[in-house]
């Protein structure tokens, strides 16, 4: 099942990554977290998908959101038909 979940590429100590993780967890949105500092393969995968090396990067079933915060995440998820309590 985890292979079909959206992939969130993160770096430890990244405040935007922490904010996004907290938001996704609080919203009950499942995802697979990949730490790109622990794996050169994961870092290369993130760069290939997004064209850059900044985190967080989200791969939502092939739709990529890179170098973002919660403010950019909410409208992106709405476009993916994700419902929030306040929508």
PDB file of N, CA and C in Angstrom:
ATOM      1  N   UNK A   1       0.828  -1.206   0.000  1.00  0.00           N
ATOM      2  CA  UNK A   1       0.000   0.000   0.000  1.00  0.00           C
ATOM      3  C   UNK A   1       0.859   1.250   0.000  1.00  0.00           C
ATOM      4  N   UNK A   2       1.944   1.276   0.774  1.00  0.00           N
ATOM      5  CA  UNK A   2       2.740   2.495   0.883  1.00  0.00           C
ATOM      6  C   UNK A   2       3.339   2.917  -0.459  1.00  0.00           C
ATOM      7  N   UNK A   3       3.477   1.986  -1.394  1.00  0.00           N
ATOM      8  CA  UNK A   3       4.025   2.340  -2.695  1.00  0.00           C
ATOM      9  C   UNK A   3       3.062   3.209  -3.499  1.00  0.00           C
ATOM     10  N   UNK A   4       1.767   3.183  -3.170  1.00  0.00           N
ATOM     11  CA  UNK A   4       0.791   3.974  -3.908  1.00  0.00           C
ATOM     12  C   UNK A   4       0.525   5.326  -3.247  1.00  0.00           C
ATOM     13  N   UNK A   5       1.091   5.530  -2.075  1.00  0.00           N
ATOM     14  CA  UNK A   5       0.895   6.798  -1.372  1.00  0.00           C
ATOM     15  C   UNK A   5       1.705   7.906  -2.033  1.00  0.00           C
ATOM     16  N   UNK A   6       1.245   9.145  -1.902  1.00  0.00           N
ATOM     17  CA  UNK A   6       2.064  10.274  -2.351  1.00  0.00           C
ATOM     18  C   UNK A   6       3.406  10.250  -1.622  1.00  0.00           C
ATOM     19  N   UNK A   7       4.442  10.721  -2.289  1.00  0.00           N
ATOM     20  CA  UNK A   7       5.785  10.724  -1.706  1.00  0.00           C
ATOM     21  C   UNK A   7       6.158  12.148  -1.329  1.00  0.00           C
ATOM     22  N   UNK A   8       6.557  12.324  -0.071  1.00  0.00           N
ATOM     23  CA  UNK A   8       7.032  13.614   0.415  1.00  0.00           C
ATOM     24  C   UNK A   8       8.521  13.497   0.664  1.00  0.00           C
ATOM     25  N   UNK A   9       9.313  14.214  -0.134  1.00  0.00           N
ATOM     26  CA  UNK A   9      10.759  14.235   0.026  1.00  0.00           C
ATOM     27  C   UNK A   9      11.108  15.349   1.005  1.00  0.00           C
ATOM     28  N   UNK A  10      11.884  15.016   2.035  1.00  0.00           N
ATOM     29  CA  UNK A  10      12.207  15.976   3.088  1.00  0.00           C
ATOM     30  C   UNK A  10      13.691  15.937   3.430  1.00  0.00           C
ATOM     31  N   UNK A  11      14.113  16.992   4.138  1.00  0.00           N
ATOM     32  CA  UNK A  11      15.462  17.075   4.704  1.00  0.00           C
ATOM     33  C   UNK A  11      15.316  17.390   6.191  1.00  0.00           C
ATOM     34  N   UNK A  12      16.073  16.711   7.059  1.00  0.00           N
ATOM     35  CA  UNK A  12      16.012  17.005   8.495  1.00  0.00           C
ATOM     36  C   UNK A  12      16.409  18.453   8.767  1.00  0.00           C
ATOM     37  N   UNK A  13      15.727  19.061   9.710  1.00  0.00           N
ATOM     38  CA  UNK A  13      16.036  20.438  10.079  1.00  0.00           C
ATOM     39  C   UNK A  13      15.388  21.482   9.187  1.00  0.00           C
ATOM     40  N   UNK A  14      14.705  21.053   8.159  1.00  0.00           N
ATOM     41  CA  UNK A  14      14.031  21.981   7.237  1.00  0.00           C
ATOM     42  C   UNK A  14      12.710  22.426   7.866  1.00  0.00           C
ATOM     43  N   UNK A  15      12.571  23.714   8.192  1.00  0.00           N
ATOM     44  CA  UNK A  15      11.342  24.168   8.856  1.00  0.00           C
ATOM     45  C   UNK A  15      10.102  24.022   7.978  1.00  0.00           C
ATOM     46  N   UNK A  16      10.241  24.185   6.664  1.00  0.00           N
ATOM     47  CA  UNK A  16       9.101  24.025   5.759  1.00  0.00           C
ATOM     48  C   UNK A  16       8.673  22.562   5.725  1.00  0.00           C
ATOM     49  N   UNK A  17       9.648  21.661   5.770  1.00  0.00           N
ATOM     50  CA  UNK A  17       9.326  20.229   5.802  1.00  0.00           C
ATOM     51  C   UNK A  17       8.531  19.899   7.066  1.00  0.00           C
ATOM     52  N   UNK A  18       8.979  20.414   8.201  1.00  0.00           N
ATOM     53  CA  UNK A  18       8.296  20.176   9.470  1.00  0.00           C
ATOM     54  C   UNK A  18       6.871  20.709   9.424  1.00  0.00           C
ATOM     55  N   UNK A  19       6.694  21.915   8.899  1.00  0.00           N
ATOM     56  CA  UNK A  19       5.350  22.504   8.794  1.00  0.00           C
ATOM     57  C   UNK A  19       4.436  21.651   7.916  1.00  0.00           C
ATOM     58  N   UNK A  20       4.970  21.187   6.795  1.00  0.00           N
ATOM     59  CA  UNK A  20       4.175  20.383   5.869  1.00  0.00           C
ATOM     60  C   UNK A  20       3.812  19.036   6.502  1.00  0.00           C
ATOM     61  N   UNK A  21       4.768  18.395   7.158  1.00  0.00           N
ATOM     62  CA  UNK A  21       4.503  17.123   7.845  1.00  0.00           C
ATOM     63  C   UNK A  21       3.410  17.315   8.887  1.00  0.00           C
ATOM     64  N   UNK A  22       3.530  18.357   9.699  1.00  0.00           N
ATOM     65  CA  UNK A  22       2.520  18.630  10.728  1.00  0.00           C
ATOM     66  C   UNK A  22       1.142  18.864  10.105  1.00  0.00           C
ATOM     67  N   UNK A  23       1.097  19.612   9.013  1.00  0.00           N
ATOM     68  CA  UNK A  23      -0.164  19.895   8.330  1.00  0.00           C
ATOM     69  C   UNK A  23      -0.785  18.614   7.782  1.00  0.00           C
ATOM     70  N   UNK A  24       0.004  17.790   7.106  1.00  0.00           N
ATOM     71  CA  UNK A  24      -0.518  16.555   6.531  1.00  0.00           C
ATOM     72  C   UNK A  24      -1.033  15.622   7.625  1.00  0.00           C
ATOM     73  N   UNK A  25      -0.279  15.501   8.705  1.00  0.00           N
ATOM     74  CA  UNK A  25      -0.703  14.633   9.802  1.00  0.00           C
ATOM     75  C   UNK A  25      -1.977  15.163  10.457  1.00  0.00           C
ATOM     76  N   UNK A  26      -2.030  16.464  10.719  1.00  0.00           N
ATOM     77  CA  UNK A  26      -3.213  17.062  11.342  1.00  0.00           C
ATOM     78  C   UNK A  26      -4.442  16.936  10.441  1.00  0.00           C
ATOM     79  N   UNK A  27      -4.226  16.906   9.130  1.00  0.00           N
ATOM     80  CA  UNK A  27      -5.325  16.809   8.171  1.00  0.00           C
ATOM     81  C   UNK A  27      -5.704  15.365   7.880  1.00  0.00           C
ATOM     82  N   UNK A  28      -4.947  14.414   8.432  1.00  0.00           N
ATOM     83  CA  UNK A  28      -5.237  13.003   8.193  1.00  0.00           C
ATOM     84  C   UNK A  28      -4.915  12.540   6.790  1.00  0.00           C
ATOM     85  N   UNK A  29      -3.946  13.205   6.145  1.00  0.00           N
ATOM     86  CA  UNK A  29      -3.570  12.859   4.774  1.00  0.00           C
ATOM     87  C   UNK A  29      -2.364  11.924   4.820  1.00  0.00           C
ATOM     88  N   UNK A  30      -2.522  10.732   4.265  1.00  0.00           N
ATOM     89  CA  UNK A  30      -1.455   9.733   4.264  1.00  0.00           C
ATOM     90  C   UNK A  30      -0.433  10.042   3.175  1.00  0.00           C
ATOM     91  N   UNK A  31       0.805   9.718   3.458  1.00  0.00           N
ATOM     92  CA  UNK A  31       1.894   9.930   2.513  1.00  0.00           C
ATOM     93  C   UNK A  31       3.064   9.045   2.930  1.00  0.00           C
ATOM     94  N   UNK A  32       4.026   8.921   2.034  1.00  0.00           N
ATOM     95  CA  UNK A  32       5.254   8.195   2.340  1.00  0.00           C
ATOM     96  C   UNK A  32       6.379   9.218   2.411  1.00  0.00           C
ATOM     97  N   UNK A  33       7.052   9.272   3.537  1.00  0.00           N
ATOM     98  CA  UNK A  33       8.123  10.250   3.756  1.00  0.00           C
ATOM     99  C   UNK A  33       9.464   9.653   3.348  1.00  0.00           C
ATOM    100  N   UNK A  34      10.231  10.420   2.554  1.00  0.00           N
ATOM    101  CA  UNK A  34      11.553   9.991   2.109  1.00  0.00           C
ATOM    102  C   UNK A  34      12.557  11.075   2.475  1.00  0.00           C
ATOM    103  N   UNK A  35      13.535  10.696   3.293  1.00  0.00           N
ATOM    104  CA  UNK A  35      14.603  11.618   3.704  1.00  0.00           C
ATOM    105  C   UNK A  35      15.699  11.575   2.647  1.00  0.00           C
ATOM    106  N   UNK A  36      15.859  12.671   1.920  1.00  0.00           N
ATOM    107  CA  UNK A  36      16.815  12.681   0.809  1.00  0.00           C
ATOM    108  C   UNK A  36      18.262  12.833   1.262  1.00  0.00           C
ATOM    109  N   UNK A  37      18.481  13.148   2.534  1.00  0.00           N
ATOM    110  CA  UNK A  37      19.862  13.230   3.010  1.00  0.00           C
ATOM    111  C   UNK A  37      20.410  11.859   3.381  1.00  0.00           C
ATOM    112  N   UNK A  38      19.543  10.866   3.497  1.00  0.00           N
ATOM    113  CA  UNK A  38      19.973   9.511   3.858  1.00  0.00           C
ATOM    114  C   UNK A  38      20.228   8.636   2.640  1.00  0.00           C
ATOM    115  N   UNK A  39      19.842   9.099   1.471  1.00  0.00           N
ATOM    116  CA  UNK A  39      19.954   8.264   0.278  1.00  0.00           C
ATOM    117  C   UNK A  39      20.240   9.114  -0.954  1.00  0.00           C
ATOM    118  N   UNK A  40      21.385   8.843  -1.581  1.00  0.00           N
ATOM    119  CA  UNK A  40      21.721   9.542  -2.821  1.00  0.00           C
ATOM    120  C   UNK A  40      20.716   9.189  -3.913  1.00  0.00           C
ATOM    121  N   UNK A  41      20.211   7.980  -3.880  1.00  0.00           N
ATOM    122  CA  UNK A  41      19.209   7.550  -4.862  1.00  0.00           C
ATOM    123  C   UNK A  41      17.927   8.360  -4.705  1.00  0.00           C
ATOM    124  N   UNK A  42      17.497   8.542  -3.454  1.00  0.00           N
ATOM    125  CA  UNK A  42      16.289   9.330  -3.201  1.00  0.00           C
ATOM    126  C   UNK A  42      16.493  10.788  -3.617  1.00  0.00           C
ATOM    127  N   UNK A  43      17.662  11.333  -3.331  1.00  0.00           N
ATOM    128  CA  UNK A  43      17.960  12.720  -3.722  1.00  0.00           C
ATOM    129  C   UNK A  43      17.940  12.869  -5.239  1.00  0.00           C
ATOM    130  N   UNK A  44      18.515  11.899  -5.937  1.00  0.00           N
ATOM    131  CA  UNK A  44      18.528  11.940  -7.398  1.00  0.00           C
ATOM    132  C   UNK A  44      17.111  11.793  -7.958  1.00  0.00           C
ATOM    133  N   UNK A  45      16.303  10.942  -7.323  1.00  0.00           N
ATOM    134  CA  UNK A  45      14.913  10.756  -7.740  1.00  0.00           C
ATOM    135  C   UNK A  45      14.129  12.063  -7.586  1.00  0.00           C
ATOM    136  N   UNK A  46      14.317  12.737  -6.439  1.00  0.00           N
ATOM    137  CA  UNK A  46      13.636  14.008  -6.210  1.00  0.00           C
ATOM    138  C   UNK A  46      14.061  15.035  -7.257  1.00  0.00           C
ATOM    139  N   UNK A  47      15.355  15.108  -7.535  1.00  0.00           N
ATOM    140  CA  UNK A  47      15.854  16.086  -8.505  1.00  0.00           C
ATOM    141  C   UNK A  47      15.326  15.791  -9.905  1.00  0.00           C
ATOM    142  N   UNK A  48      15.264  14.519 -10.264  1.00  0.00           N
ATOM    143  CA  UNK A  48      14.751  14.147 -11.583  1.00  0.00           C
ATOM    144  C   UNK A  48      13.281  14.536 -11.715  1.00  0.00           C
ATOM    145  N   UNK A  49      12.502  14.310 -10.675  1.00  0.00           N
ATOM    146  CA  UNK A  49      11.068  14.617 -10.719  1.00  0.00           C
ATOM    147  C   UNK A  49      10.791  16.117 -10.710  1.00  0.00           C
ATOM    148  N   UNK A  50      11.570  16.864  -9.916  1.00  0.00           N
ATOM    149  CA  UNK A  50      11.244  18.275  -9.684  1.00  0.00           C
ATOM    150  C   UNK A  50      12.145  19.259 -10.419  1.00  0.00           C
ATOM    151  N   UNK A  51      13.304  18.789 -10.860  1.00  0.00           N
ATOM    152  CA  UNK A  51      14.238  19.675 -11.531  1.00  0.00           C
ATOM    153  C   UNK A  51      15.051  20.534 -10.581  1.00  0.00           C
ATOM    154  N   UNK A  52      14.995  20.234  -9.286  1.00  0.00           N
ATOM    155  CA  UNK A  52      15.740  21.014  -8.298  1.00  0.00           C
ATOM    156  C   UNK A  52      16.058  20.143  -7.083  1.00  0.00           C
ATOM    157  N   UNK A  53      16.769  20.715  -6.123  1.00  0.00           N
ATOM    158  CA  UNK A  53      17.230  19.934  -4.970  1.00  0.00           C
ATOM    159  C   UNK A  53      16.645  20.411  -3.648  1.00  0.00           C
ATOM    160  N   UNK A  54      15.682  21.304  -3.700  1.00  0.00           N
ATOM    161  CA  UNK A  54      15.128  21.861  -2.459  1.00  0.00           C
ATOM    162  C   UNK A  54      13.965  21.021  -1.946  1.00  0.00           C
ATOM    163  N   UNK A  55      13.862  20.982  -0.630  1.00  0.00           N
ATOM    164  CA  UNK A  55      12.775  20.255   0.023  1.00  0.00           C
ATOM    165  C   UNK A  55      11.931  21.263   0.795  1.00  0.00           C
ATOM    166  N   UNK A  56      10.669  20.933   1.017  1.00  0.00           N
ATOM    167  CA  UNK A  56      10.037  19.677   0.643  1.00  0.00           C
ATOM    168  C   UNK A  56       9.662  19.639  -0.831  1.00  0.00           C
ATOM    169  N   UNK A  57       9.545  18.423  -1.326  1.00  0.00           N
ATOM    170  CA  UNK A  57       9.014  18.167  -2.659  1.00  0.00           C
ATOM    171  C   UNK A  57       7.979  17.066  -2.510  1.00  0.00           C
ATOM    172  N   UNK A  58       6.831  17.262  -3.131  1.00  0.00           N
ATOM    173  CA  UNK A  58       5.743  16.295  -3.046  1.00  0.00           C
ATOM    174  C   UNK A  58       5.452  15.734  -4.430  1.00  0.00           C
ATOM    175  N   UNK A  59       5.417  14.407  -4.517  1.00  0.00           N
ATOM    176  CA  UNK A  59       4.995  13.717  -5.735  1.00  0.00           C
ATOM    177  C   UNK A  59       3.624  13.120  -5.441  1.00  0.00           C
ATOM    178  N   UNK A  60       2.592  13.772  -5.949  1.00  0.00           N
ATOM    179  CA  UNK A  60       1.214  13.336  -5.731  1.00  0.00           C
ATOM    180  C   UNK A  60       0.751  12.634  -6.997  1.00  0.00           C
ATOM    181  N   UNK A  61       1.023  11.347  -7.067  1.00  0.00           N
ATOM    182  CA  UNK A  61       0.625  10.540  -8.231  1.00  0.00           C
ATOM    183  C   UNK A  61       1.090  11.164  -9.541  1.00  0.00           C
ATOM    184  N   UNK A  62       2.358  11.599  -9.553  1.00  0.00           N
ATOM    185  CA  UNK A  62       2.937  12.152 -10.774  1.00  0.00           C
ATOM    186  C   UNK A  62       2.839  13.657 -10.908  1.00  0.00           C
ATOM    187  N   UNK A  63       2.060  14.306 -10.077  1.00  0.00           N
ATOM    188  CA  UNK A  63       1.995  15.770 -10.068  1.00  0.00           C
ATOM    189  C   UNK A  63       2.968  16.248  -8.991  1.00  0.00           C
ATOM    190  N   UNK A  64       3.861  17.145  -9.373  1.00  0.00           N
ATOM    191  CA  UNK A  64       4.967  17.542  -8.501  1.00  0.00           C
ATOM    192  C   UNK A  64       4.761  18.955  -7.971  1.00  0.00           C
ATOM    193  N   UNK A  65       4.974  19.104  -6.657  1.00  0.00           N
ATOM    194  CA  UNK A  65       5.018  20.408  -6.000  1.00  0.00           C
ATOM    195  C   UNK A  65       6.365  20.470  -5.292  1.00  0.00           C
ATOM    196  N   UNK A  66       7.192  21.436  -5.684  1.00  0.00           N
ATOM    197  CA  UNK A  66       8.555  21.493  -5.164  1.00  0.00           C
ATOM    198  C   UNK A  66       8.829  22.797  -4.429  1.00  0.00           C
ATOM    199  N   UNK A  67       9.660  22.701  -3.389  1.00  0.00           N
ATOM    200  CA  UNK A  67      10.130  23.869  -2.647  1.00  0.00           C
ATOM    201  C   UNK A  67       8.943  24.737  -2.228  1.00  0.00           C
ATOM    202  N   UNK A  68       8.116  24.221  -1.329  1.00  0.00           N
ATOM    203  CA  UNK A  68       6.858  24.860  -0.989  1.00  0.00           C
ATOM    204  C   UNK A  68       6.633  24.886   0.515  1.00  0.00           C
ATOM    205  N   UNK A  69       5.636  25.651   0.909  1.00  0.00           N
ATOM    206  CA  UNK A  69       5.165  25.687   2.284  1.00  0.00           C
ATOM    207  C   UNK A  69       3.695  25.319   2.316  1.00  0.00           C
ATOM    208  N   UNK A  70       3.111  25.362   3.489  1.00  0.00           N
ATOM    209  CA  UNK A  70       1.703  24.985   3.650  1.00  0.00           C
ATOM    210  C   UNK A  70       0.805  25.883   2.800  1.00  0.00           C
ATOM    211  N   UNK A  71       1.171  27.160   2.636  1.00  0.00           N
ATOM    212  CA  UNK A  71       0.345  28.089   1.852  1.00  0.00           C
ATOM    213  C   UNK A  71       0.204  27.622   0.406  1.00  0.00           C
ATOM    214  N   UNK A  72       1.250  27.045  -0.147  1.00  0.00           N
ATOM    215  CA  UNK A  72       1.198  26.523  -1.520  1.00  0.00           C
ATOM    216  C   UNK A  72       0.590  25.124  -1.554  1.00  0.00           C
ATOM    217  N   UNK A  73       0.739  24.382  -0.462  1.00  0.00           N
ATOM    218  CA  UNK A  73       0.251  23.006  -0.417  1.00  0.00           C
ATOM    219  C   UNK A  73      -1.268  22.921  -0.450  1.00  0.00           C
ATOM    220  N   UNK A  74      -1.934  23.773   0.301  1.00  0.00           N
ATOM    221  CA  UNK A  74      -3.403  23.699   0.384  1.00  0.00           C
ATOM    222  C   UNK A  74      -4.061  23.808  -1.001  1.00  0.00           C
ATOM    223  N   UNK A  75      -3.766  24.835  -1.805  1.00  0.00           N
ATOM    224  CA  UNK A  75      -4.406  24.905  -3.123  1.00  0.00           C
ATOM    225  C   UNK A  75      -3.986  23.748  -4.044  1.00  0.00           C
ATOM    226  N   UNK A  76      -2.742  23.301  -3.916  1.00  0.00           N
ATOM    227  CA  UNK A  76      -2.287  22.159  -4.714  1.00  0.00           C
ATOM    228  C   UNK A  76      -3.130  20.926  -4.399  1.00  0.00           C
ATOM    229  N   UNK A  77      -3.341  20.660  -3.110  1.00  0.00           N
ATOM    230  CA  UNK A  77      -4.129  19.493  -2.707  1.00  0.00           C
ATOM    231  C   UNK A  77      -5.586  19.634  -3.117  1.00  0.00           C
ATOM    232  N   UNK A  78      -6.121  20.843  -3.050  1.00  0.00           N
ATOM    233  CA  UNK A  78      -7.505  21.055  -3.494  1.00  0.00           C
ATOM    234  C   UNK A  78      -7.652  20.687  -4.973  1.00  0.00           C
ATOM    235  N   UNK A  79      -6.641  21.022  -5.781  1.00  0.00           N
ATOM    236  CA  UNK A  79      -6.671  20.657  -7.206  1.00  0.00           C
ATOM    237  C   UNK A  79      -6.622  19.146  -7.398  1.00  0.00           C
ATOM    238  N   UNK A  80      -6.122  18.429  -6.389  1.00  0.00           N
ATOM    239  CA  UNK A  80      -6.069  16.970  -6.447  1.00  0.00           C
ATOM    240  C   UNK A  80      -7.331  16.367  -5.807  1.00  0.00           C
ATOM    241  N   UNK A  81      -8.327  17.207  -5.565  1.00  0.00           N
ATOM    242  CA  UNK A  81      -9.615  16.796  -4.991  1.00  0.00           C
ATOM    243  C   UNK A  81      -9.505  16.309  -3.553  1.00  0.00           C
ATOM    244  N   UNK A  82      -8.541  16.826  -2.809  1.00  0.00           N
ATOM    245  CA  UNK A  82      -8.433  16.525  -1.387  1.00  0.00           C
ATOM    246  C   UNK A  82      -9.322  17.503  -0.640  1.00  0.00           C
ATOM    247  N   UNK A  83     -10.168  16.979   0.229  1.00  0.00           N
ATOM    248  CA  UNK A  83     -11.092  17.813   1.006  1.00  0.00           C
ATOM    249  C   UNK A  83     -10.522  18.082   2.392  1.00  0.00           C
ATOM    250  N   UNK A  84     -10.718  19.304   2.862  1.00  0.00           N
ATOM    251  CA  UNK A  84     -10.302  19.712   4.191  1.00  0.00           C
ATOM    252  C   UNK A  84     -11.551  20.011   5.004  1.00  0.00           C
ATOM    253  N   UNK A  85     -11.408  20.019   6.311  1.00  0.00           N
ATOM    254  CA  UNK A  85     -12.547  20.291   7.192  1.00  0.00           C
ATOM    255  C   UNK A  85     -13.174  21.659   6.917  1.00  0.00           C
ATOM    256  N   UNK A  86     -12.359  22.626   6.511  1.00  0.00           N
ATOM    257  CA  UNK A  86     -12.873  23.983   6.300  1.00  0.00           C
ATOM    258  C   UNK A  86     -13.305  24.258   4.863  1.00  0.00           C
ATOM    259  N   UNK A  87     -13.308  23.216   3.991  1.00  0.00           N
ATOM    260  CA  UNK A  87     -13.704  23.480   2.604  1.00  0.00           C
ATOM    261  C   UNK A  87     -15.095  23.008   2.313  1.00  0.00           C
TER     262      UNK A  87
END
